[in-house]
Protein backbone atom coordinates (compact mmCIF):
# COMPACT_ATOMS: atom_id res chain seq x y z
CA MET A 1 153.39 -96.95 137.73
CA ARG A 2 153.47 -93.57 136.31
CA LEU A 3 149.90 -91.44 135.46
CA GLN A 4 149.61 -88.14 134.06
CA PRO A 5 147.71 -85.74 136.95
CA GLY A 6 144.12 -86.18 136.48
CA PRO A 7 144.28 -89.46 136.37
CA PHE A 8 146.57 -90.01 139.22
CA ALA A 9 144.58 -87.26 141.28
CA ASP A 10 141.09 -89.83 140.51
CA ILE A 11 143.35 -92.94 142.01
CA LYS A 12 144.34 -90.41 145.01
CA ASN A 13 141.50 -89.33 146.40
CA GLU A 14 139.23 -92.88 144.93
CA SER A 15 137.04 -91.59 142.65
CA LYS A 16 138.79 -93.73 140.19
CA GLN A 17 138.15 -97.15 142.00
CA MET A 18 139.81 -99.31 138.47
CA GLU A 19 142.31 -98.67 136.25
CA TYR A 20 142.64 -100.24 132.91
CA ARG A 21 145.49 -101.30 131.02
CA LEU A 22 147.09 -103.51 128.89
CA TYR A 23 148.16 -107.01 129.77
CA ASP A 24 151.76 -106.73 128.24
CA LYS A 25 154.62 -109.34 129.59
CA LYS A 26 155.88 -106.31 132.53
CA LYS A 27 151.91 -106.00 134.33
CA SER A 28 151.39 -110.06 133.48
CA ARG A 29 153.26 -110.42 137.08
CA ILE A 30 150.86 -108.08 138.98
CA GLN A 31 148.80 -110.09 141.30
CA LYS A 32 145.53 -110.07 142.94
CA TYR A 33 146.37 -108.95 146.34
CA ASP A 34 149.54 -107.11 145.36
CA MET A 35 150.37 -103.24 145.65
CA ILE A 36 151.21 -101.02 143.57
CA ARG A 37 152.12 -97.21 143.22
CA PHE A 38 151.20 -94.79 141.41
CA GLU A 39 153.29 -91.58 140.29
CA ASN A 40 152.51 -88.03 139.49
CA ILE A 41 154.72 -87.76 136.41
CA LYS A 42 154.57 -83.72 137.08
CA THR A 43 155.12 -83.41 141.05
CA ARG A 44 156.30 -87.00 141.66
CA GLU A 45 153.97 -87.60 144.35
CA CYS A 46 153.37 -91.16 145.26
CA VAL A 47 150.54 -93.17 146.15
CA TRP A 48 150.39 -96.88 146.81
CA THR A 49 147.23 -98.95 145.65
CA LYS A 50 145.76 -102.45 146.36
CA VAL A 51 144.71 -104.72 143.82
CA THR A 52 141.41 -105.96 144.92
CA ASN A 53 140.68 -108.27 141.34
CA LEU A 54 141.78 -108.22 138.18
CA TYR A 55 139.73 -108.71 135.00
CA ARG A 56 141.79 -110.42 132.18
CA SER A 57 140.92 -110.10 127.85
CA GLU A 58 142.48 -109.84 124.80
CA ASN A 59 141.84 -105.90 123.95
CA PHE A 60 139.81 -103.60 125.42
CA LYS A 61 136.50 -104.48 122.98
CA GLU A 62 136.73 -107.83 125.08
CA LEU A 63 137.52 -106.49 128.61
CA LYS A 64 134.40 -103.92 128.29
CA ARG A 65 131.47 -107.11 127.31
CA LYS A 66 133.04 -109.02 130.62
CA LEU A 67 132.91 -105.86 132.64
CA CYS A 68 129.24 -105.23 131.34
CA VAL A 69 128.08 -109.10 131.66
CA LYS A 70 129.53 -108.89 134.95
CA GLY A 71 127.59 -105.86 135.83
CA ILE A 72 130.97 -104.11 137.26
CA VAL A 73 130.62 -101.25 135.03
CA LYS A 74 127.75 -99.91 132.66
CA ASP A 75 128.72 -99.76 128.48
CA LYS A 76 128.44 -95.84 128.78
CA ASP A 77 130.74 -95.95 131.09
CA PHE A 78 133.32 -97.77 129.49
CA THR A 79 135.18 -94.86 127.12
CA PRO A 80 139.02 -94.14 127.01
CA ILE A 81 138.47 -91.31 129.27
CA THR A 82 137.79 -93.43 131.88
CA MET A 83 140.23 -95.55 131.28
């Protein structure tokens, strides 16, 4: 997956632990324990990460609700900036 430099750096230095994506046809093939390659779109640097869990929802509002109920994120922490 190609990312802007900021989100890429956050994943690389592990300050960002979750990545939120719409569940489209391409991403529907992702399984738990898969390795995902993230690429910085400016520098083309890559980092590999392991999928440790998947949370599927119809939209971001429903995903936020599910993650808050499970205690995975706090309401105030689930914003477009954190995605």
